[in-house]
């Protein structure tokens, strides 16, 4: 057995015996010694195994601290977000207790590292998907009920091809706790951010899954409308949902005239939302309909989409209208 393995085994024994503080401190000291020697592999092994053991023992704060330290090692060693490094970090993320505050810090720093040294400026999509999925699972945690869904949203819209399904399930579950007429507000929380991010495929997938679930409601009238080029579901009682479906069709076709017609036809319904800035940016991005330049409207909207910009006008405790934390 190597020296590193003996060290890890010794500290794991302490953790098993409940000597959490002592194990945490010794793991930090030993890892720091290897960092000073630029022995990155040894430092990584010590911190990964130690953090995992502490997290599994329910010690979120101490385990989270070693996770953050591990990221510092990755940065100093100039480790890239490859299968091995991501595998370690994501297994640690999954081991966090659901209501552990350090988890959010670890997620943010993990994504900041992947954005700095990886190929995705907004952070690695797989990491976003796993983080978003975990936050979605904890959306009804008693201690974080107001925050977990928003954390899930902001990560899932930057995730993988699997993220739209997870986001649709989240938004639909959230919608079911609200009034039946609010369905378009929850649908918009997926459709508009995906479009703002340039991901039409994800927007379409999200909308299809969300509306398929919605169509199963016994008290909701749905009409199937077929044309030569497309099939549409029409919801007579939910005009804003019809608008979103037609918006996706207009974007897919790249027809500016159809887009202008849509905004005009649904103007009275849209006046009840605060979607105008998002729709202006979508008009400029997809249809070359210029809007007055004040700073960087696209970046402003990407920020606003995580700050409650998809909801209606009520400032209450309903998820469709609450403000969302800005993306770090």
Protein backbone atom coordinates (compact mmCIF):
# COMPACT_ATOMS: atom_id res chain seq x y z
CA UNK A 1 0.00 0.00 0.00
CA UNK A 2 1.39 3.43 -0.98
CA UNK A 3 1.97 6.29 1.42
CA UNK A 4 -0.96 8.19 -0.07
CA UNK A 5 -3.28 5.22 0.30
CA UNK A 6 -2.23 4.75 3.92
CA UNK A 7 -2.89 8.44 4.63
CA UNK A 8 -6.32 8.30 3.05
CA UNK A 9 -7.21 5.11 4.90
CA UNK A 10 -6.10 6.61 8.22
CA UNK A 11 -8.26 9.72 7.74
CA UNK A 12 -11.22 7.67 6.55
CA UNK A 13 -10.99 5.68 9.76
CA UNK A 14 -11.12 8.90 11.79
CA UNK A 15 -14.21 10.00 9.84
CA UNK A 16 -15.84 6.62 10.46
CA UNK A 17 -15.17 7.12 14.19
CA UNK A 18 -16.79 10.57 14.12
CA UNK A 19 -13.58 12.58 14.42
CA UNK A 20 -14.71 14.91 11.66
CA UNK A 21 -12.93 18.11 12.67
CA UNK A 22 -9.58 16.44 13.22
CA UNK A 23 -9.80 14.53 9.92
CA UNK A 24 -10.78 17.66 8.02
CA UNK A 25 -7.90 19.69 9.41
CA UNK A 26 -5.31 16.97 8.82
CA UNK A 27 -6.53 16.42 5.25
CA UNK A 28 -6.11 20.14 4.54
CA UNK A 29 -2.60 20.22 6.00
CA UNK A 30 -1.46 17.11 4.13
CA UNK A 31 -2.96 18.32 0.85
CA UNK A 32 -1.34 21.76 1.29
CA UNK A 33 2.04 20.06 1.75
CA UNK A 34 1.65 18.22 -1.55
CA UNK A 35 0.53 21.42 -3.27
CA UNK A 36 3.70 23.13 -2.07
CA UNK A 37 5.66 20.30 -3.69
CA UNK A 38 3.58 20.64 -6.89
CA UNK A 39 2.57 17.02 -6.43
CA UNK A 40 -0.83 17.58 -7.96
CA UNK A 41 -1.85 13.92 -8.21
CA UNK A 42 -1.25 13.30 -4.52
CA UNK A 43 -3.08 16.47 -3.50
CA UNK A 44 -5.98 15.56 -5.76
CA UNK A 45 -6.28 12.03 -4.35
CA UNK A 46 -6.15 13.24 -0.75
CA UNK A 47 -8.77 15.95 -1.28
CA UNK A 48 -11.11 13.89 -3.45
CA UNK A 49 -11.18 10.85 -1.17
CA UNK A 50 -11.37 12.99 1.96
CA UNK A 51 -14.16 15.20 0.65
CA UNK A 52 -16.14 12.19 -0.50
CA UNK A 53 -15.85 10.50 2.89
CA UNK A 54 -16.89 13.64 4.77
CA UNK A 55 -19.84 14.32 2.47
CA UNK A 56 -21.07 10.74 2.77
CA UNK A 57 -20.84 11.13 6.55
CA UNK A 58 -23.18 14.13 6.29
CA UNK A 59 -20.44 16.69 6.93
CA UNK A 60 -21.40 19.10 4.16
CA UNK A 61 -19.43 22.09 5.44
CA UNK A 62 -16.13 20.25 5.92
CA UNK A 63 -16.57 18.15 2.79
CA UNK A 64 -17.52 21.23 0.80
CA UNK A 65 -14.41 23.05 2.00
CA UNK A 66 -12.22 20.24 0.64
CA UNK A 67 -14.17 20.35 -2.64
CA UNK A 68 -13.33 24.04 -3.01
CA UNK A 69 -9.70 23.27 -2.17
CA UNK A 70 -9.69 20.58 -4.88
CA UNK A 71 -10.81 23.17 -7.42
CA UNK A 72 -7.93 25.42 -6.34
CA UNK A 73 -5.57 22.52 -7.01
CA UNK A 74 -7.10 22.01 -10.45
CA UNK A 75 -6.54 25.68 -11.24
CA UNK A 76 -2.93 25.67 -10.07
CA UNK A 77 -2.22 22.44 -11.94
CA UNK A 78 -3.98 23.81 -15.04
CA UNK A 79 -6.25 20.76 -15.17
CA UNK A 80 -8.77 20.83 -18.02
CA UNK A 81 -12.44 19.76 -17.68
CA UNK A 82 -11.99 16.30 -19.20
CA UNK A 83 -13.79 13.05 -18.37
CA UNK A 84 -11.55 12.30 -15.37
CA UNK A 85 -11.67 15.73 -13.71
CA UNK A 86 -15.39 16.22 -14.39
CA UNK A 87 -16.09 12.72 -13.11
CA UNK A 88 -14.49 13.52 -9.76
CA UNK A 89 -16.25 16.86 -9.38
CA UNK A 90 -19.68 15.58 -10.37
CA UNK A 91 -19.46 12.58 -8.06
CA UNK A 92 -18.66 14.99 -5.22
CA UNK A 93 -21.54 17.26 -6.22
CA UNK A 94 -23.94 14.32 -6.10
CA UNK A 95 -22.69 13.42 -2.61
CA UNK A 96 -23.65 16.81 -1.07
CA UNK A 97 -26.55 16.88 1.38
CA UNK A 98 -29.47 18.57 -0.42
CA UNK A 99 -29.78 21.51 1.96
CA UNK A 100 -26.04 22.15 2.39
CA UNK A 101 -25.31 25.88 1.66
CA UNK A 102 -21.75 25.12 0.53
CA UNK A 103 -23.12 23.16 -2.42
CA UNK A 104 -24.12 26.34 -4.29
CA UNK A 105 -20.65 27.84 -3.81
CA UNK A 106 -19.04 24.64 -5.10
CA UNK A 107 -21.32 24.62 -8.16
CA UNK A 108 -20.50 28.25 -8.98
CA UNK A 109 -16.75 27.79 -8.56
CA UNK A 110 -16.77 24.52 -10.48
CA UNK A 111 -18.51 26.20 -13.41
CA UNK A 112 -16.24 29.25 -13.22
CA UNK A 113 -13.22 26.92 -13.46
CA UNK A 114 -14.71 25.07 -16.44
CA UNK A 115 -15.51 28.38 -18.17
CA UNK A 116 -11.98 29.68 -17.64
CA UNK A 117 -10.06 26.66 -18.89
CA UNK A 118 -12.63 24.80 -20.98
CA UNK A 119 -14.27 25.38 -24.34
CA UNK A 120 -17.63 26.73 -23.12
CA UNK A 121 -17.67 30.42 -22.04
CA UNK A 122 -20.78 29.91 -19.88
CA UNK A 123 -19.40 26.78 -18.21
CA UNK A 124 -19.49 23.09 -19.07
CA UNK A 125 -23.00 21.97 -20.21
CA UNK A 126 -22.78 18.60 -18.47
CA UNK A 127 -21.95 20.29 -15.19
CA UNK A 128 -24.86 22.70 -15.69
CA UNK A 129 -27.19 19.77 -16.38
CA UNK A 130 -26.16 17.78 -13.31
CA UNK A 131 -26.33 20.85 -11.06
CA UNK A 132 -29.70 21.86 -12.48
CA UNK A 133 -31.09 18.35 -12.09
CA UNK A 134 -29.98 18.18 -8.46
CA UNK A 135 -31.50 21.57 -7.67
CA UNK A 136 -34.70 20.46 -9.42
CA UNK A 137 -34.86 17.37 -7.18
CA UNK A 138 -34.62 19.61 -4.13
CA UNK A 139 -37.11 22.24 -5.30
CA UNK A 140 -39.46 21.64 -2.40
CA UNK A 141 -36.80 21.51 0.34
CA UNK A 142 -38.26 23.24 3.39
CA UNK A 143 -35.17 25.38 3.93
CA UNK A 144 -34.68 26.46 0.32
CA UNK A 145 -38.13 26.24 -1.27
CA UNK A 146 -37.87 29.77 -2.66
CA UNK A 147 -34.46 29.27 -4.26
CA UNK A 148 -33.93 25.72 -5.51
CA UNK A 149 -36.20 25.97 -8.60
CA UNK A 150 -34.51 29.19 -9.70
CA UNK A 151 -31.08 27.59 -9.31
CA UNK A 152 -32.34 24.64 -11.36
CA UNK A 153 -33.62 26.93 -14.14
CA UNK A 154 -30.46 28.96 -14.56
CA UNK A 155 -28.35 25.83 -14.94
CA UNK A 156 -30.71 23.77 -17.09
CA UNK A 157 -31.03 26.47 -19.76
CA UNK A 158 -27.25 26.18 -20.20
CA UNK A 159 -27.18 22.39 -20.03
CA UNK A 160 -27.20 19.44 -22.44
CA UNK A 161 -29.72 17.98 -24.89
CA UNK A 162 -31.30 16.20 -21.90
CA UNK A 163 -31.89 19.42 -19.97
CA UNK A 164 -35.12 20.58 -21.72
CA UNK A 165 -36.95 17.47 -20.49
CA UNK A 166 -35.77 18.02 -16.91
CA UNK A 167 -36.70 21.70 -17.10
CA UNK A 168 -40.13 20.91 -18.55
CA UNK A 169 -40.82 18.47 -15.72
CA UNK A 170 -39.71 21.08 -13.19
CA UNK A 171 -41.84 23.87 -14.66
CA UNK A 172 -44.88 21.64 -14.99
CA UNK A 173 -44.61 20.40 -11.40
CA UNK A 174 -44.25 24.00 -10.31
CA UNK A 175 -47.23 25.04 -12.41
CA UNK A 176 -49.45 22.35 -10.88
CA UNK A 177 -49.20 24.15 -7.53
CA UNK A 178 -50.49 27.35 -9.15
CA UNK A 179 -53.72 28.48 -10.84
CA UNK A 180 -54.60 26.71 -14.10
CA UNK A 181 -54.50 29.91 -16.20
CA UNK A 182 -50.81 30.53 -15.32
CA UNK A 183 -49.50 27.74 -17.56
CA UNK A 184 -48.06 30.16 -20.18
CA UNK A 185 -45.93 31.88 -17.52
CA UNK A 186 -44.23 28.60 -16.70
CA UNK A 187 -43.89 27.64 -20.36
CA UNK A 188 -42.23 31.00 -21.04
CA UNK A 189 -39.63 30.33 -18.36
CA UNK A 190 -38.21 27.66 -20.65
CA UNK A 191 -39.05 28.91 -24.15
CA UNK A 192 -37.79 32.49 -23.87
CA UNK A 193 -34.43 31.77 -22.14
CA UNK A 194 -33.66 28.99 -24.63
CA UNK A 195 -34.41 31.33 -27.54
CA UNK A 196 -32.34 34.11 -25.97
CA UNK A 197 -29.49 31.66 -25.69
CA UNK A 198 -29.80 30.74 -29.37
CA UNK A 199 -31.03 27.20 -28.70
CA UNK A 200 -34.16 26.75 -30.83
CA UNK A 201 -33.99 22.96 -30.67
CA UNK A 202 -34.07 23.01 -26.86
CA UNK A 203 -36.91 25.56 -26.86
CA UNK A 204 -38.99 23.34 -29.14
CA UNK A 205 -38.28 20.21 -27.11
CA UNK A 206 -39.14 21.96 -23.85
CA UNK A 207 -42.40 23.35 -25.27
CA UNK A 208 -43.45 19.99 -26.72
CA UNK A 209 -42.91 18.15 -23.42
CA UNK A 210 -44.56 20.87 -21.32
CA UNK A 211 -47.65 21.13 -23.55
CA UNK A 212 -47.94 17.34 -23.85
CA UNK A 213 -48.25 17.16 -20.07
CA UNK A 214 -50.67 20.08 -20.10
CA UNK A 215 -52.88 18.45 -22.75
CA UNK A 216 -53.56 15.55 -20.40
CA UNK A 217 -55.48 17.81 -18.02
CA UNK A 218 -59.11 16.78 -18.24
CA UNK A 219 -60.52 20.31 -17.80
CA UNK A 220 -58.38 21.97 -20.47
CA UNK A 221 -59.80 22.34 -23.98
CA UNK A 222 -57.27 21.58 -26.70
CA UNK A 223 -57.80 21.77 -30.45
CA UNK A 224 -55.53 20.11 -33.00
CA UNK A 225 -54.93 22.28 -36.06
CA UNK A 226 -53.10 20.86 -39.08
CA UNK A 227 -51.75 22.79 -42.06
CA UNK A 228 -49.68 21.69 -45.03
CA UNK A 229 -46.47 22.52 -43.22
CA UNK A 230 -47.16 21.91 -39.51
CA UNK A 231 -49.41 20.54 -36.80
CA UNK A 232 -50.39 22.83 -33.94
CA UNK A 233 -52.21 22.47 -30.66
CA UNK A 234 -54.46 25.45 -29.91
CA UNK A 235 -55.56 26.31 -26.38
CA UNK A 236 -58.65 28.56 -26.58
CA UNK A 237 -58.41 29.51 -22.91
CA UNK A 238 -54.65 30.17 -22.94
CA UNK A 239 -53.84 32.69 -25.70
CA UNK A 240 -50.30 33.34 -24.42
CA UNK A 241 -49.51 29.64 -24.77
CA UNK A 242 -50.67 29.83 -28.38
CA UNK A 243 -48.41 32.85 -28.83
CA UNK A 244 -45.38 30.90 -27.60
CA UNK A 245 -46.09 28.01 -29.96
CA UNK A 246 -46.47 30.37 -32.92
CA UNK A 247 -43.34 32.27 -31.86
CA UNK A 248 -41.34 29.06 -32.13
CA UNK A 249 -42.83 28.43 -35.56
CA UNK A 250 -41.94 31.98 -36.69
CA UNK A 251 -38.35 31.59 -35.45
CA UNK A 252 -38.03 28.25 -37.22
CA UNK A 253 -39.21 29.78 -40.48
CA UNK A 254 -37.28 33.03 -40.01
CA UNK A 255 -40.31 35.07 -41.06
CA UNK A 256 -40.13 38.63 -39.71
CA UNK A 257 -43.58 39.45 -41.04
CA UNK A 258 -45.12 36.57 -39.10
CA UNK A 259 -43.27 37.68 -35.97
CA UNK A 260 -44.58 41.26 -36.28
CA UNK A 261 -48.09 39.97 -36.92
CA UNK A 262 -47.91 37.77 -33.83
CA UNK A 263 -46.88 40.61 -31.54
CA UNK A 264 -49.61 42.81 -32.96
CA UNK A 265 -52.33 40.15 -32.73
CA UNK A 266 -51.48 39.22 -29.12
CA UNK A 267 -50.63 42.78 -27.99
CA UNK A 268 -53.42 42.96 -25.41
CA UNK A 269 -52.41 39.61 -23.89
CA UNK A 270 -48.72 40.48 -23.93
CA UNK A 271 -49.45 43.74 -22.10
CA UNK A 272 -50.20 41.61 -19.02
CA UNK A 273 -46.66 40.18 -19.03
CA UNK A 274 -43.18 41.67 -18.80
CA UNK A 275 -41.85 39.79 -21.83
CA UNK A 276 -41.30 42.88 -24.00
CA UNK A 277 -37.53 43.14 -23.54
CA UNK A 278 -37.09 39.42 -24.20
CA UNK A 279 -39.24 39.61 -27.32
CA UNK A 280 -37.39 42.69 -28.58
CA UNK A 281 -34.09 40.83 -28.25
CA UNK A 282 -35.55 37.76 -29.97
CA UNK A 283 -36.79 40.00 -32.78
CA UNK A 284 -33.32 41.43 -33.26
CA UNK A 285 -31.50 38.09 -32.98
CA UNK A 286 -33.73 36.04 -35.28
CA UNK A 287 -35.45 38.55 -37.55
CA UNK A 288 -32.97 41.42 -37.73
CA UNK A 289 -35.56 43.82 -36.28
CA UNK A 290 -33.32 46.44 -34.72
CA UNK A 291 -34.02 47.84 -31.29
CA UNK A 292 -32.48 51.04 -29.90
CA UNK A 293 -29.04 50.19 -28.62
CA UNK A 294 -28.55 51.04 -24.96
CA UNK A 295 -25.52 49.13 -23.74
CA UNK A 296 -25.77 45.50 -24.78
CA UNK A 297 -29.45 44.51 -24.98
CA UNK A 298 -28.77 40.80 -25.48
CA UNK A 299 -26.57 40.62 -22.40
CA UNK A 300 -29.10 42.67 -20.44
CA UNK A 301 -31.80 40.21 -21.41
CA UNK A 302 -29.70 37.18 -20.57
CA UNK A 303 -29.31 38.72 -17.14
CA UNK A 304 -32.98 39.60 -16.90
CA UNK A 305 -34.12 36.11 -17.82
CA UNK A 306 -32.70 34.96 -14.49
CA UNK A 307 -34.32 37.81 -12.57
CA UNK A 308 -37.99 37.10 -12.86
CA UNK A 309 -38.34 38.46 -16.39
CA UNK A 310 -40.51 35.58 -17.56
CA UNK A 311 -43.35 36.04 -15.11
CA UNK A 312 -46.45 38.19 -14.94
CA UNK A 313 -46.98 41.41 -13.06
CA UNK A 314 -47.92 40.14 -9.59
CA UNK A 315 -45.28 40.50 -6.88
CA UNK A 316 -46.32 37.62 -4.68
CA UNK A 317 -45.04 34.23 -3.65
CA UNK A 318 -46.11 32.43 -6.82
CA UNK A 319 -43.19 30.88 -8.68
CA UNK A 320 -44.25 32.31 -12.04
CA UNK A 321 -43.63 35.83 -10.84
CA UNK A 322 -40.83 35.70 -8.28
CA UNK A 323 -37.46 37.22 -9.08
CA UNK A 324 -34.60 34.85 -9.79
CA UNK A 325 -30.99 35.24 -8.64
CA UNK A 326 -28.72 36.59 -11.36
CA UNK A 327 -26.25 34.19 -12.95
CA UNK A 328 -22.90 34.39 -11.17
